[in-house]
Amino acid sequence: MQNADDTVSLFTAEEEGCYTPTHTSMPSDDWELPSYSRLNTVGMCPWKDTTYIIRNAETDLVISLNDGDLILSPQEKGHYCHWHCVENSEGWFGFRNVAAGRYIGHNNNRRNWRFVVEGRQHREWEYFCARQHPSGGHILLVKHWNGFQPMTVGGPDNTELVVGERDVDPARWEFIKIES
């Protein structure tokens, strides 16, 4: 029978040719990187009393208003893609467009079930829950009766926001905090 010490061989770093540097230097370019808190503004969970740009994780298009219609579009300057997150006393989130002063909600038309921006107040059709997705980002779930329905992307050119069925893979959203 072999002794355990007979089967183990030890080498030092010098014998293996592994050398440790005598000092470390940092390139000056690193000082130009944004601070950690600035990097952390993408992909965060929405929080009450905070304004965000809501971006689709797959397409990089953002939720915005165009002539009163809620669409996905490339990010442009202006407040039509800025959404202020509110929370009511029961813990439901709502997203109010900063420029229009109205909330994202659904039209409750099962034949053409879409998200719209019509609500002047944060009521049941404008109640949302955000849930972290395992692949990154968050899914947005709208309250419908006693359950949730996911916000998904649809329409002929995939720029419309539609109410998905529960078994559909929901869209993933990134919340980009707008610094005031």
N, C-alpha and C. Protein backbone atom coordinates (compact mmCIF):
# COMPACT_ATOMS: atom_id res chain seq x y z
N MET A 1 0.83 -1.18 0.00
CA MET A 1 0.00 0.00 0.00
C MET A 1 0.88 1.24 0.00
N GLN A 2 0.47 2.25 -0.81
CA GLN A 2 1.26 3.48 -0.90
C GLN A 2 0.89 4.45 0.19
N ASN A 3 1.86 5.16 0.63
CA ASN A 3 1.65 6.22 1.59
C ASN A 3 1.14 7.45 0.83
N ALA A 4 0.22 8.20 1.40
CA ALA A 4 -0.35 9.38 0.73
C ALA A 4 0.74 10.38 0.39
N ASP A 5 1.80 10.44 1.20
CA ASP A 5 2.88 11.39 0.93
C ASP A 5 3.65 11.02 -0.32
N ASP A 6 3.64 9.74 -0.70
CA ASP A 6 4.38 9.30 -1.88
C ASP A 6 3.73 9.76 -3.18
N THR A 7 2.44 10.06 -3.19
CA THR A 7 1.75 10.41 -4.43
C THR A 7 1.61 11.91 -4.63
N VAL A 8 2.01 12.70 -3.67
CA VAL A 8 1.87 14.15 -3.77
C VAL A 8 3.25 14.75 -3.98
N SER A 9 3.37 15.59 -4.98
CA SER A 9 4.63 16.30 -5.15
C SER A 9 4.34 17.79 -5.09
N LEU A 10 5.15 18.50 -4.38
CA LEU A 10 4.97 19.93 -4.20
C LEU A 10 6.05 20.68 -4.95
N PHE A 11 5.66 21.78 -5.59
CA PHE A 11 6.61 22.62 -6.30
C PHE A 11 6.44 24.05 -5.79
N THR A 12 7.49 24.76 -5.76
CA THR A 12 7.40 26.18 -5.41
C THR A 12 7.14 26.96 -6.69
N ALA A 13 6.75 28.21 -6.54
CA ALA A 13 6.45 29.06 -7.69
C ALA A 13 7.68 29.20 -8.58
N GLU A 14 8.88 29.28 -7.98
CA GLU A 14 10.08 29.45 -8.77
C GLU A 14 10.37 28.21 -9.61
N GLU A 15 10.11 27.02 -9.09
CA GLU A 15 10.37 25.80 -9.83
C GLU A 15 9.42 25.64 -11.01
N GLU A 16 8.20 26.17 -10.92
CA GLU A 16 7.21 26.06 -11.99
C GLU A 16 7.35 27.19 -13.00
N GLY A 17 8.10 28.22 -12.70
CA GLY A 17 8.26 29.33 -13.62
C GLY A 17 7.16 30.37 -13.49
N CYS A 18 6.49 30.44 -12.37
CA CYS A 18 5.44 31.42 -12.12
C CYS A 18 6.05 32.55 -11.31
N TYR A 19 6.08 33.73 -11.88
CA TYR A 19 6.73 34.85 -11.22
C TYR A 19 5.68 35.86 -10.77
N THR A 20 5.90 36.44 -9.62
CA THR A 20 5.01 37.45 -9.06
C THR A 20 5.60 38.82 -9.37
N PRO A 21 4.76 39.76 -9.87
CA PRO A 21 5.29 41.09 -10.17
C PRO A 21 5.77 41.78 -8.89
N THR A 22 6.76 42.63 -9.05
CA THR A 22 7.31 43.34 -7.89
C THR A 22 6.50 44.58 -7.55
N HIS A 23 5.70 45.09 -8.51
CA HIS A 23 4.85 46.25 -8.22
C HIS A 23 3.66 46.25 -9.19
N THR A 24 2.69 47.07 -8.89
CA THR A 24 1.49 47.19 -9.72
C THR A 24 1.33 48.63 -10.15
N SER A 25 0.97 48.83 -11.41
CA SER A 25 0.72 50.20 -11.87
C SER A 25 -0.67 50.28 -12.48
N MET A 26 -1.30 51.43 -12.35
CA MET A 26 -2.64 51.64 -12.88
C MET A 26 -2.54 52.62 -14.05
N PRO A 27 -3.16 52.30 -15.19
CA PRO A 27 -3.16 53.26 -16.28
C PRO A 27 -3.97 54.50 -15.91
N SER A 28 -3.55 55.65 -16.41
CA SER A 28 -4.24 56.90 -16.06
C SER A 28 -5.65 56.96 -16.63
N ASP A 29 -5.96 56.17 -17.67
CA ASP A 29 -7.30 56.18 -18.27
C ASP A 29 -8.38 55.73 -17.29
N ASP A 30 -8.03 54.91 -16.31
CA ASP A 30 -9.02 54.41 -15.36
C ASP A 30 -9.67 55.54 -14.58
N TRP A 31 -8.98 56.66 -14.41
CA TRP A 31 -9.53 57.76 -13.64
C TRP A 31 -10.69 58.44 -14.37
N GLU A 32 -10.84 58.16 -15.65
CA GLU A 32 -11.91 58.75 -16.45
C GLU A 32 -13.20 57.95 -16.39
N LEU A 33 -13.18 56.76 -15.81
CA LEU A 33 -14.38 55.94 -15.74
C LEU A 33 -15.38 56.55 -14.78
N PRO A 34 -16.69 56.37 -15.04
CA PRO A 34 -17.69 56.89 -14.11
C PRO A 34 -17.62 56.16 -12.78
N SER A 35 -18.14 56.80 -11.76
CA SER A 35 -18.14 56.19 -10.44
C SER A 35 -19.05 54.96 -10.42
N TYR A 36 -18.88 54.13 -9.41
CA TYR A 36 -19.67 52.90 -9.31
C TYR A 36 -21.16 53.22 -9.28
N SER A 37 -21.56 54.24 -8.54
CA SER A 37 -22.99 54.56 -8.44
C SER A 37 -23.55 54.94 -9.80
N ARG A 38 -22.78 55.58 -10.64
CA ARG A 38 -23.24 55.96 -11.98
C ARG A 38 -23.40 54.71 -12.85
N LEU A 39 -22.47 53.75 -12.74
CA LEU A 39 -22.58 52.52 -13.51
C LEU A 39 -23.80 51.70 -13.07
N ASN A 40 -24.18 51.85 -11.83
CA ASN A 40 -25.26 51.06 -11.26
C ASN A 40 -26.64 51.60 -11.62
N THR A 41 -26.74 52.66 -12.43
CA THR A 41 -28.05 53.24 -12.75
C THR A 41 -28.78 52.47 -13.83
N VAL A 42 -28.14 51.53 -14.51
CA VAL A 42 -28.81 50.70 -15.51
C VAL A 42 -29.10 49.35 -14.87
N GLY A 43 -30.30 48.84 -15.11
CA GLY A 43 -30.65 47.52 -14.62
C GLY A 43 -31.14 47.48 -13.19
N MET A 44 -31.32 48.64 -12.59
CA MET A 44 -31.80 48.65 -11.22
C MET A 44 -33.30 48.41 -11.18
N CYS A 45 -33.78 47.98 -10.05
CA CYS A 45 -35.21 47.78 -9.85
C CYS A 45 -35.87 49.15 -9.68
N PRO A 46 -37.05 49.35 -10.28
CA PRO A 46 -37.70 50.65 -10.11
C PRO A 46 -38.05 50.91 -8.65
N TRP A 47 -38.04 52.18 -8.30
CA TRP A 47 -38.33 52.58 -6.94
C TRP A 47 -39.17 53.83 -6.96
N LYS A 48 -40.05 53.96 -5.98
CA LYS A 48 -40.96 55.11 -5.94
C LYS A 48 -40.20 56.43 -5.91
N ASP A 49 -40.85 57.46 -6.45
CA ASP A 49 -40.33 58.83 -6.48
C ASP A 49 -39.02 58.95 -7.25
N THR A 50 -38.84 58.10 -8.25
CA THR A 50 -37.65 58.13 -9.09
C THR A 50 -38.09 58.12 -10.55
N THR A 51 -37.35 58.81 -11.40
CA THR A 51 -37.68 58.90 -12.83
C THR A 51 -36.71 58.04 -13.62
N TYR A 52 -37.25 57.32 -14.62
CA TYR A 52 -36.46 56.37 -15.40
C TYR A 52 -36.74 56.50 -16.89
N ILE A 53 -35.79 56.03 -17.67
CA ILE A 53 -36.02 55.64 -19.06
C ILE A 53 -36.16 54.13 -18.99
N ILE A 54 -37.21 53.59 -19.59
CA ILE A 54 -37.46 52.14 -19.54
C ILE A 54 -37.09 51.57 -20.90
N ARG A 55 -36.02 50.76 -20.92
CA ARG A 55 -35.45 50.26 -22.17
C ARG A 55 -35.64 48.75 -22.30
N ASN A 56 -36.02 48.31 -23.50
CA ASN A 56 -36.14 46.88 -23.78
C ASN A 56 -34.74 46.28 -23.85
N ALA A 57 -34.50 45.24 -23.07
CA ALA A 57 -33.16 44.65 -22.97
C ALA A 57 -32.71 43.98 -24.27
N GLU A 58 -33.64 43.51 -25.09
CA GLU A 58 -33.26 42.82 -26.33
C GLU A 58 -33.00 43.79 -27.49
N THR A 59 -33.77 44.88 -27.56
CA THR A 59 -33.69 45.76 -28.74
C THR A 59 -33.06 47.11 -28.46
N ASP A 60 -32.89 47.48 -27.20
CA ASP A 60 -32.42 48.81 -26.78
C ASP A 60 -33.38 49.93 -27.15
N LEU A 61 -34.60 49.59 -27.57
CA LEU A 61 -35.62 50.61 -27.80
C LEU A 61 -36.25 50.97 -26.46
N VAL A 62 -36.74 52.21 -26.34
CA VAL A 62 -37.29 52.67 -25.07
C VAL A 62 -38.79 52.93 -25.19
N ILE A 63 -39.47 52.81 -24.06
CA ILE A 63 -40.90 53.11 -24.01
C ILE A 63 -41.06 54.62 -24.07
N SER A 64 -41.81 55.10 -25.06
CA SER A 64 -41.99 56.54 -25.21
C SER A 64 -43.37 56.85 -25.78
N LEU A 65 -43.70 58.13 -25.75
CA LEU A 65 -44.94 58.62 -26.33
C LEU A 65 -44.64 59.26 -27.67
N ASN A 66 -45.47 58.95 -28.67
CA ASN A 66 -45.36 59.57 -29.98
C ASN A 66 -46.77 59.96 -30.41
N ASP A 67 -47.07 61.25 -30.39
CA ASP A 67 -48.41 61.75 -30.71
C ASP A 67 -49.48 61.07 -29.87
N GLY A 68 -49.19 60.84 -28.60
CA GLY A 68 -50.15 60.24 -27.68
C GLY A 68 -50.17 58.73 -27.66
N ASP A 69 -49.45 58.08 -28.59
CA ASP A 69 -49.40 56.62 -28.65
C ASP A 69 -48.18 56.11 -27.89
N LEU A 70 -48.37 55.04 -27.15
CA LEU A 70 -47.29 54.41 -26.41
C LEU A 70 -46.58 53.44 -27.35
N ILE A 71 -45.28 53.66 -27.59
CA ILE A 71 -44.52 52.84 -28.53
C ILE A 71 -43.13 52.57 -27.99
N LEU A 72 -42.44 51.67 -28.68
CA LEU A 72 -41.00 51.48 -28.48
C LEU A 72 -40.30 52.25 -29.59
N SER A 73 -39.31 53.04 -29.23
CA SER A 73 -38.60 53.83 -30.23
C SER A 73 -37.16 54.02 -29.79
N PRO A 74 -36.29 54.45 -30.71
CA PRO A 74 -34.92 54.77 -30.30
C PRO A 74 -34.96 55.92 -29.28
N GLN A 75 -34.02 55.90 -28.37
CA GLN A 75 -33.98 56.94 -27.34
C GLN A 75 -33.62 58.28 -27.95
N GLU A 76 -34.43 59.28 -27.66
CA GLU A 76 -34.17 60.64 -28.11
C GLU A 76 -34.19 61.55 -26.90
N LYS A 77 -33.64 62.74 -27.07
CA LYS A 77 -33.68 63.70 -25.98
C LYS A 77 -35.10 64.18 -25.79
N GLY A 78 -35.43 64.52 -24.57
CA GLY A 78 -36.77 65.00 -24.27
C GLY A 78 -37.42 64.14 -23.22
N HIS A 79 -38.55 64.61 -22.74
CA HIS A 79 -39.21 63.95 -21.62
C HIS A 79 -40.25 62.93 -22.05
N TYR A 80 -40.44 62.69 -23.33
CA TYR A 80 -41.46 61.74 -23.76
C TYR A 80 -41.06 60.29 -23.49
N CYS A 81 -39.82 60.07 -23.08
CA CYS A 81 -39.41 58.72 -22.69
C CYS A 81 -39.01 58.68 -21.21
N HIS A 82 -39.39 59.70 -20.45
CA HIS A 82 -39.10 59.75 -19.01
C HIS A 82 -40.36 59.36 -18.24
N TRP A 83 -40.21 58.36 -17.37
CA TRP A 83 -41.34 57.81 -16.61
C TRP A 83 -41.05 57.92 -15.13
N HIS A 84 -41.94 58.62 -14.42
CA HIS A 84 -41.79 58.79 -12.97
C HIS A 84 -42.52 57.64 -12.28
N CYS A 85 -41.80 56.91 -11.45
CA CYS A 85 -42.37 55.77 -10.73
C CYS A 85 -43.04 56.26 -9.44
N VAL A 86 -44.29 55.85 -9.26
CA VAL A 86 -45.03 56.17 -8.03
C VAL A 86 -45.42 54.85 -7.37
N GLU A 87 -45.73 54.92 -6.10
CA GLU A 87 -46.20 53.74 -5.37
C GLU A 87 -47.38 54.16 -4.50
N ASN A 88 -48.47 53.41 -4.58
CA ASN A 88 -49.63 53.76 -3.76
C ASN A 88 -49.52 53.12 -2.38
N SER A 89 -50.52 53.35 -1.54
CA SER A 89 -50.48 52.86 -0.15
C SER A 89 -50.55 51.34 -0.06
N GLU A 90 -50.96 50.66 -1.15
CA GLU A 90 -51.02 49.20 -1.16
C GLU A 90 -49.78 48.57 -1.78
N GLY A 91 -48.80 49.39 -2.18
CA GLY A 91 -47.54 48.88 -2.71
C GLY A 91 -47.49 48.70 -4.22
N TRP A 92 -48.52 49.13 -4.94
CA TRP A 92 -48.52 49.00 -6.41
C TRP A 92 -47.75 50.15 -7.04
N PHE A 93 -46.92 49.80 -8.02
CA PHE A 93 -46.20 50.81 -8.80
C PHE A 93 -47.08 51.35 -9.91
N GLY A 94 -46.77 52.57 -10.31
CA GLY A 94 -47.36 53.18 -11.49
C GLY A 94 -46.27 53.99 -12.18
N PHE A 95 -46.41 54.18 -13.50
CA PHE A 95 -45.42 54.92 -14.27
C PHE A 95 -46.11 56.05 -15.01
N ARG A 96 -45.79 57.29 -14.57
CA ARG A 96 -46.39 58.50 -15.12
C ARG A 96 -45.41 59.17 -16.06
N ASN A 97 -45.87 59.46 -17.28
CA ASN A 97 -45.02 60.15 -18.24
C ASN A 97 -44.80 61.59 -17.76
N VAL A 98 -43.55 62.00 -17.70
CA VAL A 98 -43.20 63.32 -17.16
C VAL A 98 -43.79 64.44 -18.02
N ALA A 99 -43.77 64.30 -19.33
CA ALA A 99 -44.26 65.35 -20.22
C ALA A 99 -45.79 65.40 -20.27
N ALA A 100 -46.43 64.25 -20.35
CA ALA A 100 -47.89 64.21 -20.52
C ALA A 100 -48.65 64.19 -19.20
N GLY A 101 -48.00 63.75 -18.11
CA GLY A 101 -48.67 63.69 -16.83
C GLY A 101 -49.69 62.57 -16.73
N ARG A 102 -49.59 61.56 -17.57
CA ARG A 102 -50.54 60.44 -17.57
C ARG A 102 -49.80 59.13 -17.33
N TYR A 103 -50.57 58.12 -16.90
CA TYR A 103 -50.01 56.84 -16.49
C TYR A 103 -50.14 55.77 -17.58
N ILE A 104 -49.16 54.86 -17.58
CA ILE A 104 -49.26 53.67 -18.43
C ILE A 104 -50.31 52.75 -17.81
N GLY A 105 -51.23 52.28 -18.63
CA GLY A 105 -52.25 51.34 -18.21
C GLY A 105 -52.62 50.47 -19.40
N HIS A 106 -53.64 49.63 -19.25
CA HIS A 106 -54.07 48.81 -20.39
C HIS A 106 -55.48 49.18 -20.78
N ASN A 107 -55.83 48.90 -22.03
CA ASN A 107 -57.14 49.31 -22.57
C ASN A 107 -58.25 48.31 -22.27
N ASN A 108 -57.94 47.16 -21.69
CA ASN A 108 -58.90 46.12 -21.33
C ASN A 108 -59.71 45.60 -22.52
N ASN A 109 -59.15 45.68 -23.70
CA ASN A 109 -59.80 45.15 -24.91
C ASN A 109 -59.11 43.84 -25.27
N ARG A 110 -59.68 42.70 -24.89
CA ARG A 110 -59.02 41.40 -25.07
C ARG A 110 -58.73 41.10 -26.54
N ARG A 111 -59.47 41.67 -27.47
CA ARG A 111 -59.21 41.42 -28.90
C ARG A 111 -57.98 42.17 -29.40
N ASN A 112 -57.70 43.30 -28.80
CA ASN A 112 -56.57 44.13 -29.21
C ASN A 112 -55.97 44.73 -27.93
N TRP A 113 -55.50 43.85 -27.05
CA TRP A 113 -55.11 44.24 -25.70
C TRP A 113 -53.77 44.95 -25.72
N ARG A 114 -53.80 46.26 -25.54
CA ARG A 114 -52.62 47.10 -25.65
C ARG A 114 -52.43 47.93 -24.38
N PHE A 115 -51.20 48.39 -24.24
CA PHE A 115 -50.92 49.37 -23.20
C PHE A 115 -51.12 50.75 -23.80
N VAL A 116 -51.67 51.63 -22.99
CA VAL A 116 -51.97 53.00 -23.41
C VAL A 116 -51.51 53.96 -22.32
N VAL A 117 -51.47 55.23 -22.64
CA VAL A 117 -51.16 56.26 -21.66
C VAL A 117 -52.35 57.21 -21.63
N GLU A 118 -53.32 56.89 -20.76
CA GLU A 118 -54.55 57.69 -20.70
C GLU A 118 -54.90 58.12 -19.28
N GLY A 119 -54.53 57.31 -18.29
CA GLY A 119 -54.95 57.57 -16.92
C GLY A 119 -54.36 58.83 -16.33
N ARG A 120 -55.24 59.68 -15.82
CA ARG A 120 -54.78 60.89 -15.13
C ARG A 120 -54.47 60.60 -13.66
N GLN A 121 -55.00 59.48 -13.16
CA GLN A 121 -54.75 59.07 -11.79
C GLN A 121 -54.24 57.63 -11.80
N HIS A 122 -53.56 57.27 -10.72
CA HIS A 122 -53.00 55.93 -10.57
C HIS A 122 -54.09 55.02 -10.01
N ARG A 123 -54.77 54.30 -10.92
CA ARG A 123 -55.86 53.40 -10.52
C ARG A 123 -55.54 51.97 -10.94
N GLU A 124 -56.49 51.04 -10.71
CA GLU A 124 -56.22 49.61 -10.89
C GLU A 124 -55.67 49.23 -12.26
N TRP A 125 -56.09 49.84 -13.33
CA TRP A 125 -55.59 49.46 -14.65
C TRP A 125 -54.18 50.00 -14.89
N GLU A 126 -53.69 50.78 -13.97
CA GLU A 126 -52.33 51.32 -14.05
C GLU A 126 -51.43 50.74 -12.96
N TYR A 127 -51.85 49.64 -12.32
CA TYR A 127 -51.07 49.02 -11.25
C TYR A 127 -50.06 48.04 -11.85
N PHE A 128 -48.80 48.20 -11.46
CA PHE A 128 -47.72 47.33 -11.95
C PHE A 128 -46.94 46.72 -10.80
N CYS A 129 -46.34 45.58 -11.12
CA CYS A 129 -45.39 44.90 -10.25
C CYS A 129 -44.16 44.65 -11.12
N ALA A 130 -42.97 44.93 -10.59
CA ALA A 130 -41.73 44.65 -11.32
C ALA A 130 -41.07 43.45 -10.65
N ARG A 131 -40.64 42.50 -11.47
CA ARG A 131 -40.02 41.28 -10.96
C ARG A 131 -38.70 41.07 -11.70
N GLN A 132 -37.65 40.74 -10.96
CA GLN A 132 -36.34 40.52 -11.58
C GLN A 132 -36.37 39.28 -12.45
N HIS A 133 -35.76 39.38 -13.64
CA HIS A 133 -35.67 38.25 -14.57
C HIS A 133 -34.32 37.57 -14.39
N PRO A 134 -34.25 36.24 -14.41
CA PRO A 134 -32.97 35.56 -14.20
C PRO A 134 -31.92 35.87 -15.26
N SER A 135 -32.33 36.31 -16.45
CA SER A 135 -31.38 36.65 -17.51
C SER A 135 -30.99 38.12 -17.48
N GLY A 136 -31.40 38.84 -16.47
CA GLY A 136 -31.10 40.26 -16.36
C GLY A 136 -32.32 41.12 -16.65
N GLY A 137 -32.33 42.31 -16.10
CA GLY A 137 -33.46 43.20 -16.27
C GLY A 137 -34.63 42.77 -15.41
N HIS A 138 -35.78 43.35 -15.71
CA HIS A 138 -37.00 43.07 -14.95
C HIS A 138 -38.15 42.86 -15.91
N ILE A 139 -39.15 42.14 -15.45
CA ILE A 139 -40.39 42.04 -16.22
C ILE A 139 -41.41 42.95 -15.54
N LEU A 140 -42.30 43.51 -16.35
CA LEU A 140 -43.37 44.34 -15.83
C LEU A 140 -44.67 43.55 -15.93
N LEU A 141 -45.34 43.44 -14.82
CA LEU A 141 -46.61 42.72 -14.74
C LEU A 141 -47.69 43.72 -14.36
N VAL A 142 -48.77 43.74 -15.14
CA VAL A 142 -49.88 44.64 -14.85
C VAL A 142 -50.96 43.84 -14.11
N LYS A 143 -51.60 44.49 -13.17
CA LYS A 143 -52.67 43.83 -12.41
C LYS A 143 -53.89 43.68 -13.31
N HIS A 144 -54.44 42.47 -13.32
CA HIS A 144 -55.68 42.21 -14.05
C HIS A 144 -56.52 41.28 -13.19
N TRP A 145 -57.62 41.79 -12.67
CA TRP A 145 -58.46 41.09 -11.71
C TRP A 145 -57.61 40.62 -10.54
N ASN A 146 -57.52 39.32 -10.30
CA ASN A 146 -56.76 38.82 -9.16
C ASN A 146 -55.39 38.29 -9.55
N GLY A 147 -54.93 38.61 -10.74
CA GLY A 147 -53.64 38.09 -11.19
C GLY A 147 -52.81 39.15 -11.90
N PHE A 148 -51.81 38.66 -12.61
CA PHE A 148 -50.89 39.52 -13.35
C PHE A 148 -50.87 39.12 -14.81
N GLN A 149 -50.65 40.08 -15.67
CA GLN A 149 -50.41 39.84 -17.10
C GLN A 149 -49.11 40.56 -17.45
N PRO A 150 -48.24 39.93 -18.23
CA PRO A 150 -46.95 40.55 -18.55
C PRO A 150 -47.05 41.58 -19.67
N MET A 151 -46.19 42.59 -19.59
CA MET A 151 -46.02 43.53 -20.69
C MET A 151 -45.07 42.89 -21.70
N THR A 152 -45.53 42.74 -22.93
CA THR A 152 -44.70 42.15 -23.98
C THR A 152 -44.65 43.10 -25.17
N VAL A 153 -43.85 42.73 -26.14
CA VAL A 153 -43.68 43.52 -27.36
C VAL A 153 -44.43 42.83 -28.48
N GLY A 154 -45.14 43.60 -29.30
CA GLY A 154 -45.91 43.01 -30.39
C GLY A 154 -46.20 44.02 -31.48
N GLY A 155 -47.24 43.72 -32.23
CA GLY A 155 -47.61 44.58 -33.36
C GLY A 155 -46.84 44.19 -34.60
N PRO A 156 -47.20 44.76 -35.75
CA PRO A 156 -46.59 44.38 -37.02
C PRO A 156 -45.07 44.59 -37.07
N ASP A 157 -44.58 45.64 -36.42
CA ASP A 157 -43.13 45.91 -36.47
C ASP A 157 -42.47 45.79 -35.10
N ASN A 158 -43.13 45.10 -34.17
CA ASN A 158 -42.60 44.88 -32.82
C ASN A 158 -42.23 46.17 -32.09
N THR A 159 -43.05 47.20 -32.26
CA THR A 159 -42.84 48.45 -31.53
C THR A 159 -44.05 48.81 -30.67
N GLU A 160 -45.01 47.89 -30.56
CA GLU A 160 -46.18 48.14 -29.73
C GLU A 160 -46.04 47.38 -28.42
N LEU A 161 -46.61 47.92 -27.38
CA LEU A 161 -46.61 47.28 -26.07
C LEU A 161 -47.96 46.62 -25.87
N VAL A 162 -47.93 45.30 -25.73
CA VAL A 162 -49.17 44.54 -25.65
C VAL A 162 -49.23 43.78 -24.33
N VAL A 163 -50.44 43.47 -23.92
CA VAL A 163 -50.65 42.67 -22.73
C VAL A 163 -50.54 41.21 -23.15
N GLY A 164 -49.55 40.51 -22.62
CA GLY A 164 -49.30 39.13 -22.99
C GLY A 164 -50.09 38.15 -22.15
N GLU A 165 -50.16 36.94 -22.63
CA GLU A 165 -50.78 35.87 -21.85
C GLU A 165 -49.78 35.40 -20.79
N ARG A 166 -50.28 34.74 -19.80
CA ARG A 166 -49.42 34.34 -18.68
C ARG A 166 -48.34 33.33 -19.08
N ASP A 167 -48.58 32.54 -20.12
CA ASP A 167 -47.60 31.53 -20.52
C ASP A 167 -46.60 32.06 -21.56
N VAL A 168 -46.68 33.34 -21.91
CA VAL A 168 -45.78 33.95 -22.89
C VAL A 168 -44.52 34.43 -22.18
N ASP A 169 -43.37 34.29 -22.85
CA ASP A 169 -42.13 34.81 -22.29
C ASP A 169 -42.20 36.33 -22.32
N PRO A 170 -42.21 36.99 -21.17
CA PRO A 170 -42.37 38.44 -21.15
C PRO A 170 -41.11 39.17 -21.60
N ALA A 171 -41.29 40.41 -22.00
CA ALA A 171 -40.15 41.25 -22.37
C ALA A 171 -39.36 41.59 -21.11
N ARG A 172 -38.07 41.75 -21.29
CA ARG A 172 -37.20 42.18 -20.19
C ARG A 172 -36.92 43.67 -20.34
N TRP A 173 -37.03 44.39 -19.24
CA TRP A 173 -36.88 45.84 -19.24
C TRP A 173 -35.74 46.26 -18.33
N GLU A 174 -35.01 47.27 -18.77
CA GLU A 174 -33.96 47.88 -17.95
C GLU A 174 -34.44 49.27 -17.55
N PHE A 175 -34.25 49.59 -16.29
CA PHE A 175 -34.66 50.89 -15.77
C PHE A 175 -33.41 51.75 -15.63
N ILE A 176 -33.34 52.80 -16.42
CA ILE A 176 -32.18 53.70 -16.41
C ILE A 176 -32.59 54.95 -15.62
N LYS A 177 -31.98 55.12 -14.49
CA LYS A 177 -32.34 56.22 -13.60
C LYS A 177 -31.93 57.55 -14.21
N ILE A 178 -32.85 58.51 -14.17
CA ILE A 178 -32.58 59.86 -14.64
C ILE A 178 -32.16 60.68 -13.42
N GLU A 179 -30.96 61.21 -13.48
CA GLU A 179 -30.46 62.04 -12.38
C GLU A 179 -31.14 63.40 -12.45
N SER A 180 -31.65 63.89 -11.30
CA SER A 180 -32.31 65.20 -11.32
C SER A 180 -31.34 66.31 -11.05
